[in-house]
Amino acid sequence: MTDDLLRGQLVRLAASNPETDAETVAAWSWNSEFGHYLQINEPRPWSVQGTRAEMTEDMNDEKSQGRNFPFSIRTLADNRLIGFLHLEVNDWPQRDAWLAIAIGRPEDWGKGYGTDAMRVLMRYGFCELNLERLTLNVFEYNERAVRSYLKAGFVIEGRQRQRLRRGDRRYDIIFMGVLRDEWQVQRSAGAAQP
């Protein structure tokens, strides 16, 4: 394995640092669009103190050690914190994990950062953790994220119909997954291209 395991073409995955990152992460929540993409509940601003406490707990929770893998996403160009990724192994014997990703500022959306970060996390999950499958869910109206996940190699596996209400409309929650074998085929095909 190379030293670049956590490095992509645009971003790198790094350890979260509650002391230096909490203010930036909390500020992202002040944009309700970010909240609508990230959580099923109504969006609400996060406090810096609450964000710091949650990040610290996530990193230090002894019950979750060896199951939770939180990362911050930083740009290669200027080492700027732009998002976070979280991988949770919910079943080690089955080698199955759930993941979540968020890119914070709207100015950073649609620039390929999320797809690159997801590819790095897939490599980490399949090569380093020896996982067999990764699963995520996404809200139907987050079309940009759905396209990004498809581009990274995920496939749509199912839906919870009209599970989420936003305004006067109901939306599906889409479940997506990628298997290690699929990822290896996609990776080999990408390596064969010039």
N, C-alpha and C. Protein backbone atom coordinates (compact mmCIF):
# COMPACT_ATOMS: atom_id res chain seq x y z
N MET A 1 0.85 -1.18 0.00
CA MET A 1 0.00 0.00 0.00
C MET A 1 0.89 1.24 0.00
N THR A 2 0.49 2.25 -0.74
CA THR A 2 1.30 3.45 -0.84
C THR A 2 0.99 4.44 0.28
N ASP A 3 1.83 5.44 0.39
CA ASP A 3 1.61 6.49 1.37
C ASP A 3 0.43 7.37 0.99
N ASP A 4 -0.06 7.27 -0.23
CA ASP A 4 -1.14 8.12 -0.71
C ASP A 4 -2.51 7.50 -0.52
N LEU A 5 -2.65 6.57 0.41
CA LEU A 5 -3.91 5.88 0.64
C LEU A 5 -5.06 6.84 0.88
N LEU A 6 -4.82 7.95 1.58
CA LEU A 6 -5.89 8.90 1.92
C LEU A 6 -5.85 10.15 1.06
N ARG A 7 -5.22 10.05 -0.10
CA ARG A 7 -5.07 11.21 -0.98
C ARG A 7 -5.70 10.89 -2.33
N GLY A 8 -6.50 11.83 -2.83
CA GLY A 8 -7.10 11.69 -4.15
C GLY A 8 -6.45 12.65 -5.12
N GLN A 9 -7.19 13.00 -6.16
CA GLN A 9 -6.68 13.95 -7.15
C GLN A 9 -6.94 15.40 -6.74
N LEU A 10 -8.00 15.62 -5.94
CA LEU A 10 -8.37 16.98 -5.52
C LEU A 10 -8.31 17.18 -4.01
N VAL A 11 -8.51 16.09 -3.26
CA VAL A 11 -8.64 16.19 -1.81
C VAL A 11 -7.83 15.11 -1.12
N ARG A 12 -7.70 15.30 0.18
CA ARG A 12 -7.14 14.25 1.04
C ARG A 12 -8.05 14.12 2.24
N LEU A 13 -8.07 12.92 2.81
CA LEU A 13 -8.82 12.68 4.03
C LEU A 13 -7.86 12.84 5.19
N ALA A 14 -8.32 13.51 6.23
CA ALA A 14 -7.47 13.78 7.39
C ALA A 14 -8.26 13.50 8.66
N ALA A 15 -7.56 13.40 9.76
CA ALA A 15 -8.22 13.26 11.06
C ALA A 15 -8.99 14.54 11.35
N SER A 16 -10.14 14.37 11.95
CA SER A 16 -10.90 15.54 12.40
C SER A 16 -10.21 16.13 13.62
N ASN A 17 -10.26 17.44 13.72
CA ASN A 17 -9.68 18.13 14.86
C ASN A 17 -10.76 19.03 15.45
N PRO A 18 -11.45 18.58 16.50
CA PRO A 18 -12.54 19.38 17.06
C PRO A 18 -12.13 20.79 17.45
N GLU A 19 -10.91 20.96 17.93
CA GLU A 19 -10.49 22.29 18.39
C GLU A 19 -10.37 23.29 17.24
N THR A 20 -9.88 22.84 16.09
CA THR A 20 -9.68 23.77 14.98
C THR A 20 -10.80 23.71 13.94
N ASP A 21 -11.55 22.60 13.87
CA ASP A 21 -12.54 22.42 12.81
C ASP A 21 -13.97 22.77 13.20
N ALA A 22 -14.28 22.78 14.49
CA ALA A 22 -15.67 22.92 14.94
C ALA A 22 -16.32 24.21 14.46
N GLU A 23 -15.59 25.30 14.47
CA GLU A 23 -16.18 26.58 14.06
C GLU A 23 -16.58 26.55 12.59
N THR A 24 -15.71 26.00 11.75
CA THR A 24 -16.00 25.90 10.31
C THR A 24 -17.18 24.99 10.06
N VAL A 25 -17.18 23.82 10.69
CA VAL A 25 -18.27 22.85 10.49
C VAL A 25 -19.59 23.43 10.97
N ALA A 26 -19.60 24.07 12.12
CA ALA A 26 -20.83 24.68 12.63
C ALA A 26 -21.35 25.74 11.67
N ALA A 27 -20.47 26.53 11.09
CA ALA A 27 -20.88 27.59 10.16
C ALA A 27 -21.60 27.02 8.94
N TRP A 28 -21.22 25.83 8.49
CA TRP A 28 -21.91 25.23 7.34
C TRP A 28 -23.38 25.03 7.63
N SER A 29 -23.71 24.72 8.87
CA SER A 29 -25.11 24.44 9.23
C SER A 29 -25.98 25.68 9.20
N TRP A 30 -25.39 26.84 9.12
CA TRP A 30 -26.17 28.07 9.08
C TRP A 30 -26.84 28.26 7.72
N ASN A 31 -26.46 27.44 6.76
CA ASN A 31 -27.10 27.43 5.44
C ASN A 31 -28.15 26.31 5.46
N SER A 32 -29.43 26.66 5.38
CA SER A 32 -30.47 25.65 5.49
C SER A 32 -30.43 24.65 4.33
N GLU A 33 -29.91 25.04 3.18
CA GLU A 33 -29.79 24.11 2.06
C GLU A 33 -28.84 22.96 2.43
N PHE A 34 -27.74 23.29 3.09
CA PHE A 34 -26.81 22.27 3.59
C PHE A 34 -27.56 21.31 4.51
N GLY A 35 -28.35 21.85 5.43
CA GLY A 35 -29.12 21.03 6.37
C GLY A 35 -30.13 20.14 5.67
N HIS A 36 -30.77 20.66 4.64
CA HIS A 36 -31.75 19.85 3.89
C HIS A 36 -31.09 18.68 3.17
N TYR A 37 -29.85 18.85 2.73
CA TYR A 37 -29.14 17.77 2.05
C TYR A 37 -28.60 16.74 3.03
N LEU A 38 -28.33 17.15 4.25
CA LEU A 38 -27.60 16.31 5.19
C LEU A 38 -28.49 15.48 6.11
N GLN A 39 -29.59 16.05 6.58
CA GLN A 39 -30.34 15.38 7.63
C GLN A 39 -31.83 15.32 7.33
N ILE A 40 -32.45 14.31 7.89
CA ILE A 40 -33.87 14.11 7.66
C ILE A 40 -34.71 15.09 8.48
N ASN A 41 -34.21 15.50 9.62
CA ASN A 41 -34.93 16.46 10.46
C ASN A 41 -34.85 17.85 9.85
N GLU A 42 -35.61 18.75 10.42
CA GLU A 42 -35.57 20.12 9.95
C GLU A 42 -34.18 20.71 10.19
N PRO A 43 -33.69 21.51 9.24
CA PRO A 43 -32.36 22.09 9.44
C PRO A 43 -32.38 23.10 10.57
N ARG A 44 -31.32 23.08 11.34
CA ARG A 44 -31.16 24.09 12.39
C ARG A 44 -29.67 24.33 12.59
N PRO A 45 -29.31 25.54 12.93
CA PRO A 45 -27.89 25.86 13.10
C PRO A 45 -27.29 25.09 14.27
N TRP A 46 -26.04 24.69 14.10
CA TRP A 46 -25.30 24.02 15.16
C TRP A 46 -24.43 25.04 15.87
N SER A 47 -24.30 24.89 17.16
CA SER A 47 -23.39 25.77 17.89
C SER A 47 -21.97 25.25 17.76
N VAL A 48 -21.02 26.13 17.91
CA VAL A 48 -19.61 25.72 17.85
C VAL A 48 -19.31 24.76 19.00
N GLN A 49 -19.82 25.09 20.20
CA GLN A 49 -19.57 24.23 21.36
C GLN A 49 -20.19 22.85 21.17
N GLY A 50 -21.42 22.79 20.68
CA GLY A 50 -22.08 21.52 20.45
C GLY A 50 -21.39 20.70 19.37
N THR A 51 -20.96 21.38 18.32
CA THR A 51 -20.24 20.70 17.24
C THR A 51 -18.93 20.14 17.74
N ARG A 52 -18.20 20.93 18.52
CA ARG A 52 -16.92 20.47 19.09
C ARG A 52 -17.15 19.26 19.98
N ALA A 53 -18.18 19.32 20.82
CA ALA A 53 -18.47 18.20 21.73
C ALA A 53 -18.84 16.94 20.94
N GLU A 54 -19.64 17.09 19.91
CA GLU A 54 -20.04 15.93 19.11
C GLU A 54 -18.86 15.32 18.37
N MET A 55 -18.01 16.19 17.81
CA MET A 55 -16.82 15.70 17.11
C MET A 55 -15.90 14.96 18.08
N THR A 56 -15.72 15.52 19.27
CA THR A 56 -14.85 14.90 20.28
C THR A 56 -15.42 13.56 20.71
N GLU A 57 -16.72 13.51 20.95
CA GLU A 57 -17.36 12.26 21.37
C GLU A 57 -17.24 11.21 20.27
N ASP A 58 -17.42 11.63 19.03
CA ASP A 58 -17.33 10.71 17.90
C ASP A 58 -15.94 10.08 17.82
N MET A 59 -14.92 10.87 18.11
CA MET A 59 -13.54 10.38 18.04
C MET A 59 -13.16 9.52 19.24
N ASN A 60 -13.77 9.78 20.40
CA ASN A 60 -13.33 9.13 21.63
C ASN A 60 -14.29 8.10 22.20
N ASP A 61 -15.38 7.83 21.52
CA ASP A 61 -16.39 6.89 22.01
C ASP A 61 -15.79 5.48 22.03
N GLU A 62 -15.53 4.96 23.22
CA GLU A 62 -14.88 3.65 23.34
C GLU A 62 -15.73 2.52 22.77
N LYS A 63 -17.05 2.63 22.86
CA LYS A 63 -17.92 1.59 22.31
C LYS A 63 -17.80 1.52 20.80
N SER A 64 -17.44 2.62 20.17
CA SER A 64 -17.38 2.70 18.72
C SER A 64 -15.98 2.50 18.16
N GLN A 65 -14.98 2.40 19.02
CA GLN A 65 -13.61 2.23 18.54
C GLN A 65 -13.52 0.98 17.66
N GLY A 66 -12.90 1.13 16.54
CA GLY A 66 -12.79 0.02 15.60
C GLY A 66 -14.01 -0.13 14.71
N ARG A 67 -15.02 0.71 14.92
CA ARG A 67 -16.23 0.69 14.09
C ARG A 67 -16.44 2.02 13.36
N ASN A 68 -16.10 3.11 14.01
CA ASN A 68 -16.32 4.44 13.44
C ASN A 68 -15.01 5.01 12.93
N PHE A 69 -15.09 5.56 11.72
CA PHE A 69 -13.92 6.15 11.08
C PHE A 69 -14.30 7.53 10.54
N PRO A 70 -14.19 8.56 11.38
CA PRO A 70 -14.52 9.93 10.92
C PRO A 70 -13.30 10.58 10.27
N PHE A 71 -13.55 11.30 9.19
CA PHE A 71 -12.49 12.02 8.49
C PHE A 71 -12.96 13.42 8.15
N SER A 72 -12.03 14.34 8.10
CA SER A 72 -12.30 15.63 7.48
C SER A 72 -11.80 15.54 6.04
N ILE A 73 -12.38 16.38 5.18
CA ILE A 73 -11.98 16.45 3.78
C ILE A 73 -11.27 17.78 3.58
N ARG A 74 -10.04 17.73 3.08
CA ARG A 74 -9.24 18.93 2.87
C ARG A 74 -8.77 18.98 1.42
N THR A 75 -8.76 20.17 0.86
CA THR A 75 -8.30 20.33 -0.52
C THR A 75 -6.79 20.15 -0.58
N LEU A 76 -6.33 19.58 -1.68
CA LEU A 76 -4.89 19.45 -1.89
C LEU A 76 -4.28 20.81 -2.20
N ALA A 77 -5.02 21.64 -2.92
CA ALA A 77 -4.48 22.93 -3.37
C ALA A 77 -4.08 23.84 -2.21
N ASP A 78 -4.93 23.93 -1.17
CA ASP A 78 -4.64 24.88 -0.10
C ASP A 78 -4.92 24.33 1.31
N ASN A 79 -5.14 23.03 1.41
CA ASN A 79 -5.37 22.37 2.70
C ASN A 79 -6.59 22.92 3.44
N ARG A 80 -7.55 23.44 2.69
CA ARG A 80 -8.75 24.02 3.28
C ARG A 80 -9.75 22.93 3.65
N LEU A 81 -10.33 23.04 4.84
CA LEU A 81 -11.38 22.12 5.28
C LEU A 81 -12.65 22.41 4.48
N ILE A 82 -13.13 21.40 3.74
CA ILE A 82 -14.33 21.62 2.91
C ILE A 82 -15.46 20.65 3.22
N GLY A 83 -15.20 19.64 4.04
CA GLY A 83 -16.28 18.70 4.32
C GLY A 83 -15.84 17.61 5.28
N PHE A 84 -16.72 16.63 5.42
CA PHE A 84 -16.40 15.50 6.27
C PHE A 84 -17.00 14.23 5.70
N LEU A 85 -16.40 13.13 6.08
CA LEU A 85 -16.84 11.78 5.72
C LEU A 85 -16.88 10.96 7.00
N HIS A 86 -17.83 10.05 7.04
CA HIS A 86 -17.91 9.17 8.20
C HIS A 86 -18.23 7.77 7.70
N LEU A 87 -17.40 6.82 8.07
CA LEU A 87 -17.63 5.43 7.72
C LEU A 87 -17.87 4.67 9.02
N GLU A 88 -18.95 3.91 9.07
CA GLU A 88 -19.27 3.13 10.26
C GLU A 88 -19.46 1.67 9.87
N VAL A 89 -18.60 0.83 10.41
CA VAL A 89 -18.71 -0.60 10.16
C VAL A 89 -19.76 -1.14 11.14
N ASN A 90 -20.91 -1.50 10.63
CA ASN A 90 -21.97 -1.97 11.51
C ASN A 90 -21.98 -3.49 11.66
N ASP A 91 -21.18 -4.18 10.85
CA ASP A 91 -21.17 -5.64 10.93
C ASP A 91 -19.83 -6.17 10.42
N TRP A 92 -18.86 -6.31 11.33
CA TRP A 92 -17.53 -6.78 10.91
C TRP A 92 -17.56 -8.17 10.29
N PRO A 93 -18.29 -9.14 10.86
CA PRO A 93 -18.29 -10.46 10.22
C PRO A 93 -18.78 -10.42 8.76
N GLN A 94 -19.71 -9.53 8.46
CA GLN A 94 -20.20 -9.41 7.09
C GLN A 94 -19.38 -8.44 6.25
N ARG A 95 -18.48 -7.70 6.92
CA ARG A 95 -17.63 -6.72 6.25
C ARG A 95 -18.46 -5.66 5.52
N ASP A 96 -19.41 -5.11 6.27
CA ASP A 96 -20.40 -4.18 5.73
C ASP A 96 -20.31 -2.85 6.48
N ALA A 97 -20.33 -1.73 5.75
CA ALA A 97 -20.25 -0.42 6.40
C ALA A 97 -21.20 0.57 5.75
N TRP A 98 -21.66 1.51 6.55
CA TRP A 98 -22.47 2.65 6.09
C TRP A 98 -21.56 3.87 6.06
N LEU A 99 -21.85 4.77 5.16
CA LEU A 99 -21.06 5.98 5.13
C LEU A 99 -21.92 7.19 4.85
N ALA A 100 -21.39 8.32 5.24
CA ALA A 100 -22.03 9.61 5.01
C ALA A 100 -20.95 10.61 4.62
N ILE A 101 -21.34 11.55 3.77
CA ILE A 101 -20.40 12.57 3.32
C ILE A 101 -21.13 13.91 3.25
N ALA A 102 -20.41 14.97 3.49
CA ALA A 102 -20.95 16.31 3.32
C ALA A 102 -19.84 17.25 2.87
N ILE A 103 -20.15 18.05 1.88
CA ILE A 103 -19.28 19.16 1.47
C ILE A 103 -19.99 20.42 1.97
N GLY A 104 -19.28 21.22 2.74
CA GLY A 104 -19.91 22.29 3.51
C GLY A 104 -20.45 23.48 2.76
N ARG A 105 -19.62 24.19 2.04
CA ARG A 105 -20.04 25.46 1.44
C ARG A 105 -20.59 25.25 0.03
N PRO A 106 -21.68 25.93 -0.32
CA PRO A 106 -22.22 25.81 -1.68
C PRO A 106 -21.19 26.15 -2.76
N GLU A 107 -20.25 27.03 -2.46
CA GLU A 107 -19.21 27.38 -3.44
C GLU A 107 -18.32 26.20 -3.79
N ASP A 108 -18.31 25.18 -2.93
CA ASP A 108 -17.48 24.00 -3.17
C ASP A 108 -18.27 22.83 -3.76
N TRP A 109 -19.56 23.01 -3.95
CA TRP A 109 -20.40 21.96 -4.51
C TRP A 109 -20.21 21.91 -6.03
N GLY A 110 -20.31 20.73 -6.58
CA GLY A 110 -20.26 20.56 -8.03
C GLY A 110 -18.87 20.72 -8.63
N LYS A 111 -17.83 20.65 -7.83
CA LYS A 111 -16.45 20.81 -8.32
C LYS A 111 -15.66 19.51 -8.32
N GLY A 112 -16.33 18.40 -8.00
CA GLY A 112 -15.66 17.10 -8.01
C GLY A 112 -15.03 16.70 -6.69
N TYR A 113 -15.10 17.56 -5.68
CA TYR A 113 -14.48 17.24 -4.40
C TYR A 113 -15.14 16.02 -3.75
N GLY A 114 -16.48 15.98 -3.77
CA GLY A 114 -17.20 14.88 -3.14
C GLY A 114 -16.93 13.55 -3.81
N THR A 115 -16.93 13.53 -5.15
CA THR A 115 -16.65 12.30 -5.88
C THR A 115 -15.24 11.82 -5.59
N ASP A 116 -14.28 12.74 -5.58
CA ASP A 116 -12.90 12.38 -5.30
C ASP A 116 -12.76 11.84 -3.88
N ALA A 117 -13.38 12.51 -2.91
CA ALA A 117 -13.33 12.06 -1.52
C ALA A 117 -13.97 10.68 -1.38
N MET A 118 -15.07 10.46 -2.07
CA MET A 118 -15.74 9.16 -2.00
C MET A 118 -14.85 8.06 -2.57
N ARG A 119 -14.17 8.34 -3.65
CA ARG A 119 -13.26 7.34 -4.24
C ARG A 119 -12.12 7.00 -3.28
N VAL A 120 -11.62 8.03 -2.60
CA VAL A 120 -10.55 7.79 -1.61
C VAL A 120 -11.09 6.93 -0.47
N LEU A 121 -12.27 7.24 0.01
CA LEU A 121 -12.85 6.46 1.10
C LEU A 121 -13.13 5.02 0.67
N MET A 122 -13.58 4.83 -0.57
CA MET A 122 -13.81 3.48 -1.07
C MET A 122 -12.49 2.69 -1.08
N ARG A 123 -11.43 3.31 -1.54
CA ARG A 123 -10.12 2.66 -1.55
C ARG A 123 -9.72 2.28 -0.12
N TYR A 124 -9.90 3.20 0.80
CA TYR A 124 -9.57 2.95 2.21
C TYR A 124 -10.41 1.79 2.75
N GLY A 125 -11.71 1.83 2.50
CA GLY A 125 -12.60 0.79 3.02
C GLY A 125 -12.31 -0.58 2.45
N PHE A 126 -12.07 -0.65 1.14
CA PHE A 126 -11.86 -1.95 0.51
C PHE A 126 -10.42 -2.46 0.68
N CYS A 127 -9.45 -1.58 0.62
CA CYS A 127 -8.04 -2.02 0.70
C CYS A 127 -7.55 -2.12 2.14
N GLU A 128 -7.82 -1.11 2.94
CA GLU A 128 -7.27 -1.06 4.29
C GLU A 128 -8.12 -1.82 5.30
N LEU A 129 -9.45 -1.65 5.21
CA LEU A 129 -10.34 -2.29 6.17
C LEU A 129 -10.85 -3.66 5.70
N ASN A 130 -10.56 -3.99 4.44
CA ASN A 130 -10.97 -5.28 3.87
C ASN A 130 -12.48 -5.47 3.90
N LEU A 131 -13.23 -4.40 3.63
CA LEU A 131 -14.69 -4.47 3.59
C LEU A 131 -15.15 -5.11 2.29
N GLU A 132 -16.37 -5.62 2.31
CA GLU A 132 -16.97 -6.23 1.12
C GLU A 132 -18.04 -5.36 0.49
N ARG A 133 -18.65 -4.45 1.27
CA ARG A 133 -19.68 -3.57 0.71
C ARG A 133 -19.75 -2.27 1.49
N LEU A 134 -20.12 -1.21 0.77
CA LEU A 134 -20.36 0.10 1.36
C LEU A 134 -21.77 0.51 0.97
N THR A 135 -22.48 1.11 1.90
CA THR A 135 -23.86 1.51 1.68
C THR A 135 -24.04 2.95 2.14
N LEU A 136 -24.92 3.67 1.47
CA LEU A 136 -25.28 5.03 1.87
C LEU A 136 -26.73 5.27 1.49
N ASN A 137 -27.27 6.35 2.02
CA ASN A 137 -28.57 6.80 1.53
C ASN A 137 -28.49 8.26 1.16
N VAL A 138 -29.40 8.68 0.30
CA VAL A 138 -29.41 10.05 -0.20
C VAL A 138 -30.85 10.44 -0.47
N PHE A 139 -31.16 11.71 -0.29
CA PHE A 139 -32.52 12.18 -0.53
C PHE A 139 -32.72 12.38 -2.03
N GLU A 140 -33.87 12.01 -2.50
CA GLU A 140 -34.20 12.03 -3.93
C GLU A 140 -33.91 13.39 -4.58
N TYR A 141 -34.18 14.47 -3.88
CA TYR A 141 -34.00 15.80 -4.48
C TYR A 141 -32.54 16.23 -4.55
N ASN A 142 -31.65 15.49 -3.96
CA ASN A 142 -30.22 15.82 -4.02
C ASN A 142 -29.61 15.16 -5.27
N GLU A 143 -30.04 15.61 -6.42
CA GLU A 143 -29.64 15.00 -7.68
C GLU A 143 -28.14 15.08 -7.93
N ARG A 144 -27.52 16.15 -7.49
CA ARG A 144 -26.07 16.30 -7.67
C ARG A 144 -25.34 15.18 -6.91
N ALA A 145 -25.78 14.87 -5.69
CA ALA A 145 -25.15 13.80 -4.92
C ALA A 145 -25.39 12.44 -5.57
N VAL A 146 -26.60 12.20 -6.05
CA VAL A 146 -26.89 10.93 -6.71
C VAL A 146 -25.95 10.74 -7.90
N ARG A 147 -25.79 11.78 -8.71
CA ARG A 147 -24.87 11.68 -9.86
C ARG A 147 -23.44 11.42 -9.40
N SER A 148 -23.02 12.06 -8.34
CA SER A 148 -21.67 11.88 -7.82
C SER A 148 -21.45 10.44 -7.36
N TYR A 149 -22.42 9.88 -6.64
CA TYR A 149 -22.28 8.51 -6.15
C TYR A 149 -22.27 7.52 -7.30
N LEU A 150 -23.11 7.75 -8.30
CA LEU A 150 -23.11 6.87 -9.48
C LEU A 150 -21.75 6.94 -10.18
N LYS A 151 -21.23 8.14 -10.31
CA LYS A 151 -19.93 8.34 -10.95
C LYS A 151 -18.81 7.63 -10.18
N ALA A 152 -18.93 7.60 -8.85
CA ALA A 152 -17.92 6.94 -8.01
C ALA A 152 -18.04 5.42 -8.06
N GLY A 153 -19.18 4.91 -8.56
CA GLY A 153 -19.33 3.46 -8.69
C GLY A 153 -20.47 2.84 -7.91
N PHE A 154 -21.21 3.63 -7.16
CA PHE A 154 -22.36 3.11 -6.43
C PHE A 154 -23.51 2.82 -7.40
N VAL A 155 -24.39 1.90 -7.00
CA VAL A 155 -25.60 1.62 -7.77
C VAL A 155 -26.80 1.80 -6.86
N ILE A 156 -27.91 2.15 -7.46
CA ILE A 156 -29.16 2.31 -6.69
C ILE A 156 -29.68 0.92 -6.37
N GLU A 157 -29.92 0.68 -5.08
CA GLU A 157 -30.38 -0.64 -4.63
C GLU A 157 -31.83 -0.64 -4.18
N GLY A 158 -32.37 0.53 -3.87
CA GLY A 158 -33.75 0.57 -3.41
C GLY A 158 -34.16 1.96 -2.97
N ARG A 159 -35.43 2.05 -2.55
CA ARG A 159 -35.99 3.34 -2.13
C ARG A 159 -36.97 3.13 -0.99
N GLN A 160 -37.05 4.13 -0.15
CA GLN A 160 -38.18 4.27 0.75
C GLN A 160 -39.03 5.37 0.13
N ARG A 161 -40.18 4.97 -0.38
CA ARG A 161 -41.01 5.92 -1.11
C ARG A 161 -41.65 6.95 -0.18
N GLN A 162 -41.58 8.20 -0.62
CA GLN A 162 -42.19 9.34 0.07
C GLN A 162 -41.87 9.35 1.57
N ARG A 163 -40.66 9.06 1.91
CA ARG A 163 -40.23 8.97 3.31
C ARG A 163 -39.98 10.34 3.95
N LEU A 164 -39.69 11.32 3.13
CA LEU A 164 -39.23 12.61 3.64
C LEU A 164 -40.12 13.73 3.13
N ARG A 165 -40.51 14.62 4.04
CA ARG A 165 -41.33 15.77 3.67
C ARG A 165 -40.46 17.02 3.69
N ARG A 166 -40.51 17.76 2.59
CA ARG A 166 -39.86 19.07 2.50
C ARG A 166 -40.89 20.02 1.91
N GLY A 167 -41.26 21.02 2.69
CA GLY A 167 -42.28 21.95 2.23
C GLY A 167 -43.60 21.22 2.06
N ASP A 168 -44.20 21.37 0.89
CA ASP A 168 -45.50 20.74 0.64
C ASP A 168 -45.38 19.48 -0.20
N ARG A 169 -44.19 18.90 -0.26
CA ARG A 169 -43.96 17.73 -1.10
C ARG A 169 -43.24 16.63 -0.33
N ARG A 170 -43.45 15.40 -0.76
CA ARG A 170 -42.77 14.26 -0.16
C ARG A 170 -41.76 13.70 -1.16
N TYR A 171 -40.64 13.18 -0.63
CA TYR A 171 -39.56 12.67 -1.45
C TYR A 171 -39.14 11.29 -0.97
N ASP A 172 -38.55 10.52 -1.89
CA ASP A 172 -38.00 9.21 -1.57
C ASP A 172 -36.62 9.36 -0.93
N ILE A 173 -36.26 8.36 -0.13
CA ILE A 173 -34.87 8.19 0.28
C ILE A 173 -34.34 7.04 -0.56
N ILE A 174 -33.22 7.29 -1.24
CA ILE A 174 -32.61 6.32 -2.14
C ILE A 174 -31.46 5.64 -1.42
N PHE A 175 -31.42 4.31 -1.50
CA PHE A 175 -30.33 3.53 -0.92
C PHE A 175 -29.40 3.09 -2.05
N MET A 176 -28.11 3.31 -1.84
CA MET A 176 -27.11 2.99 -2.85
C MET A 176 -26.01 2.16 -2.20
N GLY A 177 -25.38 1.31 -3.00
CA GLY A 177 -24.30 0.49 -2.48
C GLY A 177 -23.28 0.18 -3.55
N VAL A 178 -22.12 -0.23 -3.11
CA VAL A 178 -21.07 -0.69 -4.01
C VAL A 178 -20.39 -1.89 -3.35
N LEU A 179 -20.16 -2.90 -4.14
CA LEU A 179 -19.49 -4.11 -3.67
C LEU A 179 -18.02 -4.07 -4.03
N ARG A 180 -17.22 -4.72 -3.24
CA ARG A 180 -15.78 -4.74 -3.48
C ARG A 180 -15.45 -5.21 -4.89
N ASP A 181 -16.10 -6.27 -5.36
CA ASP A 181 -15.85 -6.79 -6.71
C ASP A 181 -16.16 -5.75 -7.78
N GLU A 182 -17.26 -5.02 -7.61
CA GLU A 182 -17.62 -3.97 -8.57
C GLU A 182 -16.56 -2.87 -8.58
N TRP A 183 -16.13 -2.50 -7.38
CA TRP A 183 -15.12 -1.46 -7.25
C TRP A 183 -13.82 -1.89 -7.92
N GLN A 184 -13.42 -3.15 -7.74
CA GLN A 184 -12.18 -3.63 -8.35
C GLN A 184 -12.26 -3.62 -9.87
N VAL A 185 -13.41 -4.00 -10.43
CA VAL A 185 -13.60 -3.96 -11.88
C VAL A 185 -13.50 -2.53 -12.39
N GLN A 186 -14.19 -1.63 -11.70
CA GLN A 186 -14.16 -0.22 -12.09
C GLN A 186 -12.74 0.34 -11.98
N ARG A 187 -12.05 -0.01 -10.92
CA ARG A 187 -10.67 0.46 -10.72
C ARG A 187 -9.75 -0.06 -11.80
N SER A 188 -9.90 -1.32 -12.17
CA SER A 188 -9.06 -1.91 -13.23
C SER A 188 -9.35 -1.25 -14.58
N ALA A 189 -10.62 -0.99 -14.85
CA ALA A 189 -10.99 -0.33 -16.11
C ALA A 189 -10.40 1.08 -16.16
N GLY A 190 -10.42 1.78 -15.03
CA GLY A 190 -9.85 3.13 -14.98
C GLY A 190 -8.36 3.12 -15.16
N ALA A 191 -7.69 2.09 -14.63
CA ALA A 191 -6.22 1.99 -14.75
C ALA A 191 -5.82 1.66 -16.18
N ALA A 192 -6.72 0.97 -16.91
CA ALA A 192 -6.40 0.58 -18.29
C ALA A 192 -6.53 1.75 -19.26
N GLN A 193 -7.25 2.78 -18.84
CA GLN A 193 -7.42 3.95 -19.72
C GLN A 193 -6.19 4.84 -19.64
N PRO A 194 -5.87 5.53 -20.76
CA PRO A 194 -4.69 6.41 -20.75
C PRO A 194 -4.86 7.59 -19.82
